[in-house]
Amino acid sequence: MTDEASILSEAIARLALEKTAENVISLDVRKITSLTDFFIICSADTDIQVKAISDNIRKNTEHKPWRIEGYEQLNWVLLDYIDVVVHIFKTKEREYYNLESLWADAPLTEYNDEPENISSNKNI
């Protein structure tokens, strides 16, 4: 069964890939926390790329983020859509904070830019 949060998380992952986001993953945290349903985590090497990913997601989803954090510094931008929380990191910050390890028990989906493999790597 596909719900609205699942659809939004996949759409956001695809929008991130459109702006060449790297290591795009989705963590399904519904059974772990009540904070949100999904975390989308991705990274980029430059401020310009982090901004482009963030702007593409914000402009091309029908939902408006409830909260935006870090847009001024562009090291770690957080877009909070309530049921989906998006983390767009500069590569070094992502390595430092390593959010994936904090939520290691969550089912993870990796996204890549090959259309036939957009969500091929599901670990449950």
PDB file of N, CA and C in Angstrom:
ATOM      1  N   MET A   1       0.839  -1.187   0.000  1.00  0.00           N
ATOM      2  CA  MET A   1       0.000   0.000   0.000  1.00  0.00           C
ATOM      3  C   MET A   1       0.881   1.246   0.000  1.00  0.00           C
ATOM      4  N   THR A   2       0.628   2.135  -0.919  1.00  0.00           N
ATOM      5  CA  THR A   2       1.392   3.366  -1.026  1.00  0.00           C
ATOM      6  C   THR A   2       0.596   4.509  -0.407  1.00  0.00           C
ATOM      7  N   ASP A   3       1.218   5.205   0.515  1.00  0.00           N
ATOM      8  CA  ASP A   3       0.548   6.326   1.148  1.00  0.00           C
ATOM      9  C   ASP A   3       1.143   7.643   0.659  1.00  0.00           C
ATOM     10  N   GLU A   4       0.536   8.741   1.085  1.00  0.00           N
ATOM     11  CA  GLU A   4       0.964  10.063   0.624  1.00  0.00           C
ATOM     12  C   GLU A   4       2.412  10.371   1.004  1.00  0.00           C
ATOM     13  N   ALA A   5       2.837   9.977   2.194  1.00  0.00           N
ATOM     14  CA  ALA A   5       4.215  10.229   2.619  1.00  0.00           C
ATOM     15  C   ALA A   5       5.211   9.449   1.750  1.00  0.00           C
ATOM     16  N   SER A   6       4.878   8.220   1.390  1.00  0.00           N
ATOM     17  CA  SER A   6       5.749   7.424   0.515  1.00  0.00           C
ATOM     18  C   SER A   6       5.883   8.066  -0.855  1.00  0.00           C
ATOM     19  N   ILE A   7       4.768   8.527  -1.379  1.00  0.00           N
ATOM     20  CA  ILE A   7       4.766   9.177  -2.693  1.00  0.00           C
ATOM     21  C   ILE A   7       5.597  10.458  -2.655  1.00  0.00           C
ATOM     22  N   LEU A   8       5.401  11.262  -1.604  1.00  0.00           N
ATOM     23  CA  LEU A   8       6.159  12.505  -1.469  1.00  0.00           C
ATOM     24  C   LEU A   8       7.649  12.218  -1.317  1.00  0.00           C
ATOM     25  N   SER A   9       8.014  11.227  -0.525  1.00  0.00           N
ATOM     26  CA  SER A   9       9.437  10.938  -0.322  1.00  0.00           C
ATOM     27  C   SER A   9      10.111  10.506  -1.623  1.00  0.00           C
ATOM     28  N   GLU A  10       9.421   9.693  -2.418  1.00  0.00           N
ATOM     29  CA  GLU A  10      10.000   9.281  -3.693  1.00  0.00           C
ATOM     30  C   GLU A  10      10.104  10.466  -4.661  1.00  0.00           C
ATOM     31  N   ALA A  11       9.097  11.318  -4.688  1.00  0.00           N
ATOM     32  CA  ALA A  11       9.132  12.506  -5.550  1.00  0.00           C
ATOM     33  C   ALA A  11      10.297  13.418  -5.159  1.00  0.00           C
ATOM     34  N   ILE A  12      10.507  13.602  -3.866  1.00  0.00           N
ATOM     35  CA  ILE A  12      11.598  14.454  -3.400  1.00  0.00           C
ATOM     36  C   ILE A  12      12.947  13.848  -3.776  1.00  0.00           C
ATOM     37  N   ALA A  13      13.094  12.545  -3.645  1.00  0.00           N
ATOM     38  CA  ALA A  13      14.343  11.891  -4.033  1.00  0.00           C
ATOM     39  C   ALA A  13      14.624  12.106  -5.519  1.00  0.00           C
ATOM     40  N   ARG A  14      13.603  11.977  -6.340  1.00  0.00           N
ATOM     41  CA  ARG A  14      13.779  12.187  -7.785  1.00  0.00           C
ATOM     42  C   ARG A  14      14.158  13.638  -8.090  1.00  0.00           C
ATOM     43  N   LEU A  15      13.534  14.587  -7.384  1.00  0.00           N
ATOM     44  CA  LEU A  15      13.853  16.001  -7.588  1.00  0.00           C
ATOM     45  C   LEU A  15      15.290  16.299  -7.173  1.00  0.00           C
ATOM     46  N   ALA A  16      15.760  15.663  -6.126  1.00  0.00           N
ATOM     47  CA  ALA A  16      17.154  15.835  -5.711  1.00  0.00           C
ATOM     48  C   ALA A  16      18.103  15.306  -6.788  1.00  0.00           C
ATOM     49  N   LEU A  17      17.768  14.151  -7.342  1.00  0.00           N
ATOM     50  CA  LEU A  17      18.603  13.567  -8.400  1.00  0.00           C
ATOM     51  C   LEU A  17      18.651  14.449  -9.643  1.00  0.00           C
ATOM     52  N   GLU A  18      17.559  15.145  -9.928  1.00  0.00           N
ATOM     53  CA  GLU A  18      17.541  16.037 -11.098  1.00  0.00           C
ATOM     54  C   GLU A  18      18.638  17.099 -11.015  1.00  0.00           C
ATOM     55  N   LYS A  19      19.024  17.459  -9.814  1.00  0.00           N
ATOM     56  CA  LYS A  19      20.082  18.459  -9.617  1.00  0.00           C
ATOM     57  C   LYS A  19      21.376  17.807  -9.159  1.00  0.00           C
ATOM     58  N   THR A  20      21.565  16.577  -9.567  1.00  0.00           N
ATOM     59  CA  THR A  20      22.774  15.767  -9.343  1.00  0.00           C
ATOM     60  C   THR A  20      23.159  15.617  -7.870  1.00  0.00           C
ATOM     61  N   ALA A  21      22.167  15.433  -7.012  1.00  0.00           N
ATOM     62  CA  ALA A  21      22.450  15.095  -5.619  1.00  0.00           C
ATOM     63  C   ALA A  21      23.165  13.753  -5.585  1.00  0.00           C
ATOM     64  N   GLU A  22      24.014  13.579  -4.599  1.00  0.00           N
ATOM     65  CA  GLU A  22      24.784  12.342  -4.458  1.00  0.00           C
ATOM     66  C   GLU A  22      24.276  11.536  -3.273  1.00  0.00           C
ATOM     67  N   ASN A  23      24.415  10.216  -3.386  1.00  0.00           N
ATOM     68  CA  ASN A  23      24.059   9.304  -2.288  1.00  0.00           C
ATOM     69  C   ASN A  23      22.680   9.607  -1.720  1.00  0.00           C
ATOM     70  N   VAL A  24      21.685   9.617  -2.581  1.00  0.00           N
ATOM     71  CA  VAL A  24      20.311   9.911  -2.169  1.00  0.00           C
ATOM     72  C   VAL A  24      19.701   8.665  -1.545  1.00  0.00           C
ATOM     73  N   ILE A  25      19.263   8.803  -0.297  1.00  0.00           N
ATOM     74  CA  ILE A  25      18.624   7.679   0.381  1.00  0.00           C
ATOM     75  C   ILE A  25      17.332   8.138   1.056  1.00  0.00           C
ATOM     76  N   SER A  26      16.477   7.181   1.282  1.00  0.00           N
ATOM     77  CA  SER A  26      15.260   7.389   2.056  1.00  0.00           C
ATOM     78  C   SER A  26      15.282   6.392   3.203  1.00  0.00           C
ATOM     79  N   LEU A  27      15.005   6.882   4.407  1.00  0.00           N
ATOM     80  CA  LEU A  27      14.901   6.022   5.577  1.00  0.00           C
ATOM     81  C   LEU A  27      13.451   6.019   6.035  1.00  0.00           C
ATOM     82  N   ASP A  28      12.863   4.850   6.110  1.00  0.00           N
ATOM     83  CA  ASP A  28      11.481   4.695   6.571  1.00  0.00           C
ATOM     84  C   ASP A  28      11.524   4.526   8.087  1.00  0.00           C
ATOM     85  N   VAL A  29      11.229   5.596   8.810  1.00  0.00           N
ATOM     86  CA  VAL A  29      11.354   5.587  10.270  1.00  0.00           C
ATOM     87  C   VAL A  29      10.001   5.482  10.982  1.00  0.00           C
ATOM     88  N   ARG A  30       8.975   5.070  10.251  1.00  0.00           N
ATOM     89  CA  ARG A  30       7.628   5.002  10.832  1.00  0.00           C
ATOM     90  C   ARG A  30       7.545   4.073  12.037  1.00  0.00           C
ATOM     91  N   LYS A  31       8.305   2.988  12.046  1.00  0.00           N
ATOM     92  CA  LYS A  31       8.243   2.031  13.162  1.00  0.00           C
ATOM     93  C   LYS A  31       9.255   2.343  14.255  1.00  0.00           C
ATOM     94  N   ILE A  32      10.027   3.420  14.068  1.00  0.00           N
ATOM     95  CA  ILE A  32      11.094   3.745  15.011  1.00  0.00           C
ATOM     96  C   ILE A  32      10.800   5.016  15.814  1.00  0.00           C
ATOM     97  N   THR A  33      10.168   5.993  15.178  1.00  0.00           N
ATOM     98  CA  THR A  33       9.946   7.283  15.822  1.00  0.00           C
ATOM     99  C   THR A  33       8.624   7.886  15.363  1.00  0.00           C
ATOM    100  N   SER A  34       8.119   8.804  16.165  1.00  0.00           N
ATOM    101  CA  SER A  34       6.909   9.529  15.778  1.00  0.00           C
ATOM    102  C   SER A  34       7.247  10.914  15.220  1.00  0.00           C
ATOM    103  N   LEU A  35       8.545  11.218  15.073  1.00  0.00           N
ATOM    104  CA  LEU A  35       8.964  12.515  14.553  1.00  0.00           C
ATOM    105  C   LEU A  35       8.484  12.749  13.125  1.00  0.00           C
ATOM    106  N   THR A  36       8.581  11.738  12.314  1.00  0.00           N
ATOM    107  CA  THR A  36       8.250  11.828  10.901  1.00  0.00           C
ATOM    108  C   THR A  36       8.091  10.408  10.363  1.00  0.00           C
ATOM    109  N   ASP A  37       7.693  10.288   9.094  1.00  0.00           N
ATOM    110  CA  ASP A  37       7.594   8.969   8.471  1.00  0.00           C
ATOM    111  C   ASP A  37       8.863   8.604   7.704  1.00  0.00           C
ATOM    112  N   PHE A  38       9.435   9.593   7.012  1.00  0.00           N
ATOM    113  CA  PHE A  38      10.612   9.351   6.173  1.00  0.00           C
ATOM    114  C   PHE A  38      11.639  10.462   6.344  1.00  0.00           C
ATOM    115  N   PHE A  39      12.899  10.069   6.311  1.00  0.00           N
ATOM    116  CA  PHE A  39      14.003  10.999   6.151  1.00  0.00           C
ATOM    117  C   PHE A  39      14.549  10.783   4.754  1.00  0.00           C
ATOM    118  N   ILE A  40      14.726  11.860   4.017  1.00  0.00           N
ATOM    119  CA  ILE A  40      15.457  11.824   2.746  1.00  0.00           C
ATOM    120  C   ILE A  40      16.792  12.486   3.048  1.00  0.00           C
ATOM    121  N   ILE A  41      17.873  11.817   2.716  1.00  0.00           N
ATOM    122  CA  ILE A  41      19.213  12.349   2.963  1.00  0.00           C
ATOM    123  C   ILE A  41      19.980  12.319   1.647  1.00  0.00           C
ATOM    124  N   CYS A  42      20.612  13.444   1.326  1.00  0.00           N
ATOM    125  CA  CYS A  42      21.450  13.505   0.127  1.00  0.00           C
ATOM    126  C   CYS A  42      22.565  14.499   0.370  1.00  0.00           C
ATOM    127  N   SER A  43      23.504  14.558  -0.547  1.00  0.00           N
ATOM    128  CA  SER A  43      24.627  15.462  -0.378  1.00  0.00           C
ATOM    129  C   SER A  43      25.099  16.010  -1.712  1.00  0.00           C
ATOM    130  N   ALA A  44      25.906  17.074  -1.596  1.00  0.00           N
ATOM    131  CA  ALA A  44      26.497  17.729  -2.763  1.00  0.00           C
ATOM    132  C   ALA A  44      27.812  18.361  -2.320  1.00  0.00           C
ATOM    133  N   ASP A  45      28.684  18.632  -3.270  1.00  0.00           N
ATOM    134  CA  ASP A  45      30.018  19.133  -2.941  1.00  0.00           C
ATOM    135  C   ASP A  45      30.101  20.643  -2.753  1.00  0.00           C
ATOM    136  N   THR A  46      29.169  21.398  -3.333  1.00  0.00           N
ATOM    137  CA  THR A  46      29.284  22.859  -3.294  1.00  0.00           C
ATOM    138  C   THR A  46      28.013  23.509  -2.754  1.00  0.00           C
ATOM    139  N   ASP A  47      28.179  24.750  -2.285  1.00  0.00           N
ATOM    140  CA  ASP A  47      27.032  25.553  -1.830  1.00  0.00           C
ATOM    141  C   ASP A  47      26.006  25.716  -2.952  1.00  0.00           C
ATOM    142  N   ILE A  48      26.495  25.976  -4.130  1.00  0.00           N
ATOM    143  CA  ILE A  48      25.608  26.209  -5.275  1.00  0.00           C
ATOM    144  C   ILE A  48      24.751  24.972  -5.544  1.00  0.00           C
ATOM    145  N   GLN A  49      25.353  23.818  -5.457  1.00  0.00           N
ATOM    146  CA  GLN A  49      24.619  22.578  -5.710  1.00  0.00           C
ATOM    147  C   GLN A  49      23.612  22.298  -4.592  1.00  0.00           C
ATOM    148  N   VAL A  50      23.986  22.535  -3.332  1.00  0.00           N
ATOM    149  CA  VAL A  50      23.052  22.364  -2.218  1.00  0.00           C
ATOM    150  C   VAL A  50      21.845  23.275  -2.417  1.00  0.00           C
ATOM    151  N   LYS A  51      22.092  24.518  -2.807  1.00  0.00           N
ATOM    152  CA  LYS A  51      21.006  25.478  -3.048  1.00  0.00           C
ATOM    153  C   LYS A  51      20.125  25.014  -4.214  1.00  0.00           C
ATOM    154  N   ALA A  52      20.738  24.543  -5.290  1.00  0.00           N
ATOM    155  CA  ALA A  52      19.971  24.089  -6.457  1.00  0.00           C
ATOM    156  C   ALA A  52      19.076  22.901  -6.107  1.00  0.00           C
ATOM    157  N   ILE A  53      19.589  21.964  -5.327  1.00  0.00           N
ATOM    158  CA  ILE A  53      18.786  20.802  -4.906  1.00  0.00           C
ATOM    159  C   ILE A  53      17.611  21.268  -4.055  1.00  0.00           C
ATOM    160  N   SER A  54      17.908  22.111  -3.076  1.00  0.00           N
ATOM    161  CA  SER A  54      16.866  22.627  -2.188  1.00  0.00           C
ATOM    162  C   SER A  54      15.794  23.389  -2.965  1.00  0.00           C
ATOM    163  N   ASP A  55      16.226  24.280  -3.844  1.00  0.00           N
ATOM    164  CA  ASP A  55      15.283  25.073  -4.640  1.00  0.00           C
ATOM    165  C   ASP A  55      14.428  24.191  -5.548  1.00  0.00           C
ATOM    166  N   ASN A  56      15.029  23.171  -6.144  1.00  0.00           N
ATOM    167  CA  ASN A  56      14.282  22.285  -7.032  1.00  0.00           C
ATOM    168  C   ASN A  56      13.197  21.526  -6.272  1.00  0.00           C
ATOM    169  N   ILE A  57      13.525  21.066  -5.086  1.00  0.00           N
ATOM    170  CA  ILE A  57      12.535  20.366  -4.266  1.00  0.00           C
ATOM    171  C   ILE A  57      11.421  21.325  -3.866  1.00  0.00           C
ATOM    172  N   ARG A  58      11.771  22.496  -3.382  1.00  0.00           N
ATOM    173  CA  ARG A  58      10.772  23.466  -2.908  1.00  0.00           C
ATOM    174  C   ARG A  58       9.846  23.923  -4.031  1.00  0.00           C
ATOM    175  N   LYS A  59      10.380  24.121  -5.217  1.00  0.00           N
ATOM    176  CA  LYS A  59       9.579  24.638  -6.332  1.00  0.00           C
ATOM    177  C   LYS A  59       8.726  23.580  -7.007  1.00  0.00           C
ATOM    178  N   ASN A  60       9.095  22.326  -6.876  1.00  0.00           N
ATOM    179  CA  ASN A  60       8.426  21.295  -7.667  1.00  0.00           C
ATOM    180  C   ASN A  60       7.642  20.263  -6.862  1.00  0.00           C
ATOM    181  N   THR A  61       7.413  20.549  -5.595  1.00  0.00           N
ATOM    182  CA  THR A  61       6.484  19.722  -4.826  1.00  0.00           C
ATOM    183  C   THR A  61       5.239  20.560  -4.603  1.00  0.00           C
ATOM    184  N   GLU A  62       4.097  19.906  -4.563  1.00  0.00           N
ATOM    185  CA  GLU A  62       2.862  20.668  -4.374  1.00  0.00           C
ATOM    186  C   GLU A  62       2.675  21.107  -2.934  1.00  0.00           C
ATOM    187  N   HIS A  63       3.482  20.564  -2.030  1.00  0.00           N
ATOM    188  CA  HIS A  63       3.420  20.940  -0.622  1.00  0.00           C
ATOM    189  C   HIS A  63       4.461  22.003  -0.320  1.00  0.00           C
ATOM    190  N   LYS A  64       4.128  22.891   0.593  1.00  0.00           N
ATOM    191  CA  LYS A  64       5.084  23.889   1.055  1.00  0.00           C
ATOM    192  C   LYS A  64       5.716  23.368   2.343  1.00  0.00           C
ATOM    193  N   PRO A  65       7.048  23.485   2.485  1.00  0.00           N
ATOM    194  CA  PRO A  65       7.655  23.000   3.719  1.00  0.00           C
ATOM    195  C   PRO A  65       7.134  23.774   4.934  1.00  0.00           C
ATOM    196  N   TRP A  66       6.906  23.047   6.007  1.00  0.00           N
ATOM    197  CA  TRP A  66       6.447  23.656   7.239  1.00  0.00           C
ATOM    198  C   TRP A  66       7.561  24.500   7.851  1.00  0.00           C
ATOM    199  N   ARG A  67       8.803  24.019   7.708  1.00  0.00           N
ATOM    200  CA  ARG A  67       9.948  24.723   8.247  1.00  0.00           C
ATOM    201  C   ARG A  67      11.165  24.488   7.361  1.00  0.00           C
ATOM    202  N   ILE A  68      12.019  25.502   7.269  1.00  0.00           N
ATOM    203  CA  ILE A  68      13.278  25.414   6.523  1.00  0.00           C
ATOM    204  C   ILE A  68      14.395  25.870   7.457  1.00  0.00           C
ATOM    205  N   GLU A  69      15.441  25.090   7.530  1.00  0.00           N
ATOM    206  CA  GLU A  69      16.595  25.430   8.368  1.00  0.00           C
ATOM    207  C   GLU A  69      17.867  25.359   7.527  1.00  0.00           C
ATOM    208  N   GLY A  70      18.825  26.226   7.806  1.00  0.00           N
ATOM    209  CA  GLY A  70      20.153  26.146   7.211  1.00  0.00           C
ATOM    210  C   GLY A  70      20.294  26.699   5.812  1.00  0.00           C
ATOM    211  N   TYR A  71      19.244  27.336   5.289  1.00  0.00           N
ATOM    212  CA  TYR A  71      19.292  27.819   3.910  1.00  0.00           C
ATOM    213  C   TYR A  71      20.295  28.967   3.742  1.00  0.00           C
ATOM    214  N   GLU A  72      20.552  29.695   4.795  1.00  0.00           N
ATOM    215  CA  GLU A  72      21.480  30.829   4.702  1.00  0.00           C
ATOM    216  C   GLU A  72      22.932  30.369   4.570  1.00  0.00           C
ATOM    217  N   GLN A  73      23.306  29.297   5.295  1.00  0.00           N
ATOM    218  CA  GLN A  73      24.691  28.825   5.276  1.00  0.00           C
ATOM    219  C   GLN A  73      24.957  27.765   4.207  1.00  0.00           C
ATOM    220  N   LEU A  74      23.950  26.981   3.857  1.00  0.00           N
ATOM    221  CA  LEU A  74      24.025  25.957   2.812  1.00  0.00           C
ATOM    222  C   LEU A  74      25.022  24.828   3.112  1.00  0.00           C
ATOM    223  N   ASN A  75      25.260  24.572   4.393  1.00  0.00           N
ATOM    224  CA  ASN A  75      26.065  23.405   4.777  1.00  0.00           C
ATOM    225  C   ASN A  75      25.177  22.195   5.026  1.00  0.00           C
ATOM    226  N   TRP A  76      23.999  22.453   5.597  1.00  0.00           N
ATOM    227  CA  TRP A  76      23.028  21.415   5.916  1.00  0.00           C
ATOM    228  C   TRP A  76      21.667  22.069   5.860  1.00  0.00           C
ATOM    229  N   VAL A  77      20.943  21.845   4.791  1.00  0.00           N
ATOM    230  CA  VAL A  77      19.605  22.419   4.639  1.00  0.00           C
ATOM    231  C   VAL A  77      18.594  21.353   5.037  1.00  0.00           C
ATOM    232  N   LEU A  78      17.663  21.737   5.891  1.00  0.00           N
ATOM    233  CA  LEU A  78      16.598  20.851   6.323  1.00  0.00           C
ATOM    234  C   LEU A  78      15.277  21.413   5.819  1.00  0.00           C
ATOM    235  N   LEU A  79      14.525  20.591   5.102  1.00  0.00           N
ATOM    236  CA  LEU A  79      13.186  20.947   4.637  1.00  0.00           C
ATOM    237  C   LEU A  79      12.210  20.025   5.352  1.00  0.00           C
ATOM    238  N   ASP A  80      11.354  20.587   6.174  1.00  0.00           N
ATOM    239  CA  ASP A  80      10.438  19.788   6.990  1.00  0.00           C
ATOM    240  C   ASP A  80       9.038  19.826   6.381  1.00  0.00           C
ATOM    241  N   TYR A  81       8.634  18.700   5.819  1.00  0.00           N
ATOM    242  CA  TYR A  81       7.298  18.546   5.248  1.00  0.00           C
ATOM    243  C   TYR A  81       6.398  17.745   6.191  1.00  0.00           C
ATOM    244  N   ILE A  82       6.696  17.722   7.469  1.00  0.00           N
ATOM    245  CA  ILE A  82       6.011  17.004   8.539  1.00  0.00           C
ATOM    246  C   ILE A  82       6.209  15.488   8.397  1.00  0.00           C
ATOM    247  N   ASP A  83       5.601  14.863   7.403  1.00  0.00           N
ATOM    248  CA  ASP A  83       5.718  13.413   7.219  1.00  0.00           C
ATOM    249  C   ASP A  83       7.016  13.008   6.514  1.00  0.00           C
ATOM    250  N   VAL A  84       7.665  13.972   5.889  1.00  0.00           N
ATOM    251  CA  VAL A  84       8.948  13.732   5.219  1.00  0.00           C
ATOM    252  C   VAL A  84       9.881  14.881   5.606  1.00  0.00           C
ATOM    253  N   VAL A  85      11.042  14.527   6.126  1.00  0.00           N
ATOM    254  CA  VAL A  85      12.045  15.531   6.476  1.00  0.00           C
ATOM    255  C   VAL A  85      13.251  15.307   5.570  1.00  0.00           C
ATOM    256  N   VAL A  86      13.646  16.361   4.865  1.00  0.00           N
ATOM    257  CA  VAL A  86      14.723  16.285   3.878  1.00  0.00           C
ATOM    258  C   VAL A  86      15.984  16.920   4.454  1.00  0.00           C
ATOM    259  N   HIS A  87      17.097  16.196   4.354  1.00  0.00           N
ATOM    260  CA  HIS A  87      18.400  16.697   4.791  1.00  0.00           C
ATOM    261  C   HIS A  87      19.288  16.775   3.559  1.00  0.00           C
ATOM    262  N   ILE A  88      19.707  17.987   3.214  1.00  0.00           N
ATOM    263  CA  ILE A  88      20.607  18.192   2.075  1.00  0.00           C
ATOM    264  C   ILE A  88      21.923  18.701   2.652  1.00  0.00           C
ATOM    265  N   PHE A  89      22.929  17.863   2.604  1.00  0.00           N
ATOM    266  CA  PHE A  89      24.219  18.165   3.219  1.00  0.00           C
ATOM    267  C   PHE A  89      25.267  18.516   2.181  1.00  0.00           C
ATOM    268  N   LYS A  90      26.238  19.342   2.589  1.00  0.00           N
ATOM    269  CA  LYS A  90      27.500  19.345   1.877  1.00  0.00           C
ATOM    270  C   LYS A  90      28.187  18.053   2.282  1.00  0.00           C
ATOM    271  N   THR A  91      28.958  17.484   1.396  1.00  0.00           N
ATOM    272  CA  THR A  91      29.509  16.146   1.582  1.00  0.00           C
ATOM    273  C   THR A  91      30.256  15.985   2.907  1.00  0.00           C
ATOM    274  N   LYS A  92      31.112  16.927   3.262  1.00  0.00           N
ATOM    275  CA  LYS A  92      31.896  16.801   4.506  1.00  0.00           C
ATOM    276  C   LYS A  92      31.000  16.837   5.742  1.00  0.00           C
ATOM    277  N   GLU A  93      29.962  17.650   5.735  1.00  0.00           N
ATOM    278  CA  GLU A  93      29.043  17.708   6.872  1.00  0.00           C
ATOM    279  C   GLU A  93      28.260  16.402   6.999  1.00  0.00           C
ATOM    280  N   ARG A  94      27.877  15.829   5.873  1.00  0.00           N
ATOM    281  CA  ARG A  94      27.158  14.557   5.925  1.00  0.00           C
ATOM    282  C   ARG A  94      28.035  13.474   6.540  1.00  0.00           C
ATOM    283  N   GLU A  95      29.287  13.433   6.149  1.00  0.00           N
ATOM    284  CA  GLU A  95      30.211  12.456   6.713  1.00  0.00           C
ATOM    285  C   GLU A  95      30.385  12.677   8.218  1.00  0.00           C
ATOM    286  N   TYR A  96      30.461  13.932   8.629  1.00  0.00           N
ATOM    287  CA  TYR A  96      30.668  14.252  10.040  1.00  0.00           C
ATOM    288  C   TYR A  96      29.460  13.850  10.892  1.00  0.00           C
ATOM    289  N   TYR A  97      28.254  14.237  10.485  1.00  0.00           N
ATOM    290  CA  TYR A  97      27.059  13.974  11.291  1.00  0.00           C
ATOM    291  C   TYR A  97      26.547  12.539  11.150  1.00  0.00           C
ATOM    292  N   ASN A  98      26.769  11.918  10.007  1.00  0.00           N
ATOM    293  CA  ASN A  98      26.447  10.511   9.776  1.00  0.00           C
ATOM    294  C   ASN A  98      25.063  10.116  10.305  1.00  0.00           C
ATOM    295  N   LEU A  99      24.042  10.824   9.854  1.00  0.00           N
ATOM    296  CA  LEU A  99      22.670  10.545  10.297  1.00  0.00           C
ATOM    297  C   LEU A  99      22.225   9.118  10.004  1.00  0.00           C
ATOM    298  N   GLU A 100      22.722   8.553   8.935  1.00  0.00           N
ATOM    299  CA  GLU A 100      22.335   7.185   8.583  1.00  0.00           C
ATOM    300  C   GLU A 100      22.614   6.211   9.725  1.00  0.00           C
ATOM    301  N   SER A 101      23.714   6.415  10.428  1.00  0.00           N
ATOM    302  CA  SER A 101      24.049   5.494  11.519  1.00  0.00           C
ATOM    303  C   SER A 101      23.107   5.664  12.713  1.00  0.00           C
ATOM    304  N   LEU A 102      22.577   6.863  12.907  1.00  0.00           N
ATOM    305  CA  LEU A 102      21.628   7.086  14.011  1.00  0.00           C
ATOM    306  C   LEU A 102      20.314   6.337  13.797  1.00  0.00           C
ATOM    307  N   TRP A 103      19.967   6.138  12.529  1.00  0.00           N
ATOM    308  CA  TRP A 103      18.712   5.485  12.175  1.00  0.00           C
ATOM    309  C   TRP A 103      18.984   4.172  11.446  1.00  0.00           C
ATOM    310  N   ALA A 104      20.020   3.464  11.871  1.00  0.00           N
ATOM    311  CA  ALA A 104      20.466   2.248  11.182  1.00  0.00           C
ATOM    312  C   ALA A 104      19.422   1.136  11.165  1.00  0.00           C
ATOM    313  N   ASP A 105      18.477   1.157  12.082  1.00  0.00           N
ATOM    314  CA  ASP A 105      17.437   0.119  12.128  1.00  0.00           C
ATOM    315  C   ASP A 105      16.311   0.369  11.121  1.00  0.00           C
ATOM    316  N   ALA A 106      16.304   1.526  10.501  1.00  0.00           N
ATOM    317  CA  ALA A 106      15.233   1.871   9.559  1.00  0.00           C
ATOM    318  C   ALA A 106      15.478   1.237   8.194  1.00  0.00           C
ATOM    319  N   PRO A 107      14.420   0.754   7.547  1.00  0.00           N
ATOM    320  CA  PRO A 107      14.559   0.292   6.159  1.00  0.00           C
ATOM    321  C   PRO A 107      15.074   1.436   5.280  1.00  0.00           C
ATOM    322  N   LEU A 108      16.044   1.131   4.459  1.00  0.00           N
ATOM    323  CA  LEU A 108      16.724   2.132   3.649  1.00  0.00           C
ATOM    324  C   LEU A 108      16.490   1.855   2.167  1.00  0.00           C
ATOM    325  N   THR A 109      16.207   2.915   1.429  1.00  0.00           N
ATOM    326  CA  THR A 109      16.109   2.828  -0.022  1.00  0.00           C
ATOM    327  C   THR A 109      17.145   3.765  -0.611  1.00  0.00           C
ATOM    328  N   GLU A 110      17.978   3.246  -1.505  1.00  0.00           N
ATOM    329  CA  GLU A 110      18.963   4.068  -2.204  1.00  0.00           C
ATOM    330  C   GLU A 110      18.403   4.437  -3.567  1.00  0.00           C
ATOM    331  N   TYR A 111      18.632   5.671  -3.963  1.00  0.00           N
ATOM    332  CA  TYR A 111      18.196   6.153  -5.276  1.00  0.00           C
ATOM    333  C   TYR A 111      19.421   6.515  -6.094  1.00  0.00           C
ATOM    334  N   ASN A 112      19.370   6.181  -7.368  1.00  0.00           N
ATOM    335  CA  ASN A 112      20.435   6.620  -8.266  1.00  0.00           C
ATOM    336  C   ASN A 112      19.783   7.200  -9.511  1.00  0.00           C
ATOM    337  N   ASP A 113      20.593   7.752 -10.387  1.00  0.00           N
ATOM    338  CA  ASP A 113      20.041   8.464 -11.533  1.00  0.00           C
ATOM    339  C   ASP A 113      19.802   7.590 -12.758  1.00  0.00           C
ATOM    340  N   GLU A 114      19.853   6.283 -12.582  1.00  0.00           N
ATOM    341  CA  GLU A 114      19.523   5.384 -13.686  1.00  0.00           C
ATOM    342  C   GLU A 114      18.035   5.085 -13.613  1.00  0.00           C
ATOM    343  N   PRO A 115      17.251   5.513 -14.606  1.00  0.00           N
ATOM    344  CA  PRO A 115      15.788   5.420 -14.528  1.00  0.00           C
ATOM    345  C   PRO A 115      15.260   4.033 -14.163  1.00  0.00           C
ATOM    346  N   GLU A 116      15.874   2.985 -14.680  1.00  0.00           N
ATOM    347  CA  GLU A 116      15.362   1.652 -14.392  1.00  0.00           C
ATOM    348  C   GLU A 116      15.708   1.194 -12.980  1.00  0.00           C
ATOM    349  N   ASN A 117      16.604   1.906 -12.307  1.00  0.00           N
ATOM    350  CA  ASN A 117      17.035   1.509 -10.963  1.00  0.00           C
ATOM    351  C   ASN A 117      16.749   2.586  -9.922  1.00  0.00           C
ATOM    352  N   ILE A 118      15.758   3.414 -10.154  1.00  0.00           N
ATOM    353  CA  ILE A 118      15.551   4.584  -9.303  1.00  0.00           C
ATOM    354  C   ILE A 118      15.373   4.220  -7.835  1.00  0.00           C
ATOM    355  N   SER A 119      14.779   3.084  -7.528  1.00  0.00           N
ATOM    356  CA  SER A 119      14.643   2.697  -6.127  1.00  0.00           C
ATOM    357  C   SER A 119      14.915   1.206  -5.972  1.00  0.00           C
ATOM    358  N   SER A 120      15.981   0.779  -6.614  1.00  0.00           N
ATOM    359  CA  SER A 120      16.234  -0.656  -6.718  1.00  0.00           C
ATOM    360  C   SER A 120      16.866  -1.282  -5.493  1.00  0.00           C
ATOM    361  N   ASN A 121      17.413  -0.513  -4.601  1.00  0.00           N
ATOM    362  CA  ASN A 121      18.209  -1.087  -3.533  1.00  0.00           C
ATOM    363  C   ASN A 121      17.479  -0.956  -2.199  1.00  0.00           C
ATOM    364  N   LYS A 122      16.469  -1.771  -1.983  1.00  0.00           N
ATOM    365  CA  LYS A 122      15.686  -1.699  -0.748  1.00  0.00           C
ATOM    366  C   LYS A 122      16.186  -2.750   0.221  1.00  0.00           C
ATOM    367  N   ASN A 123      16.527  -2.291   1.412  1.00  0.00           N
ATOM    368  CA  ASN A 123      16.948  -3.200   2.485  1.00  0.00           C
ATOM    369  C   ASN A 123      15.894  -3.153   3.574  1.00  0.00           C
ATOM    370  N   ILE A 124      15.300  -4.283   3.867  1.00  0.00           N
ATOM    371  CA  ILE A 124      14.258  -4.296   4.904  1.00  0.00           C
ATOM    372  C   ILE A 124      14.646  -5.273   5.993  1.00  0.00           C
TER     373      ILE A 124
END
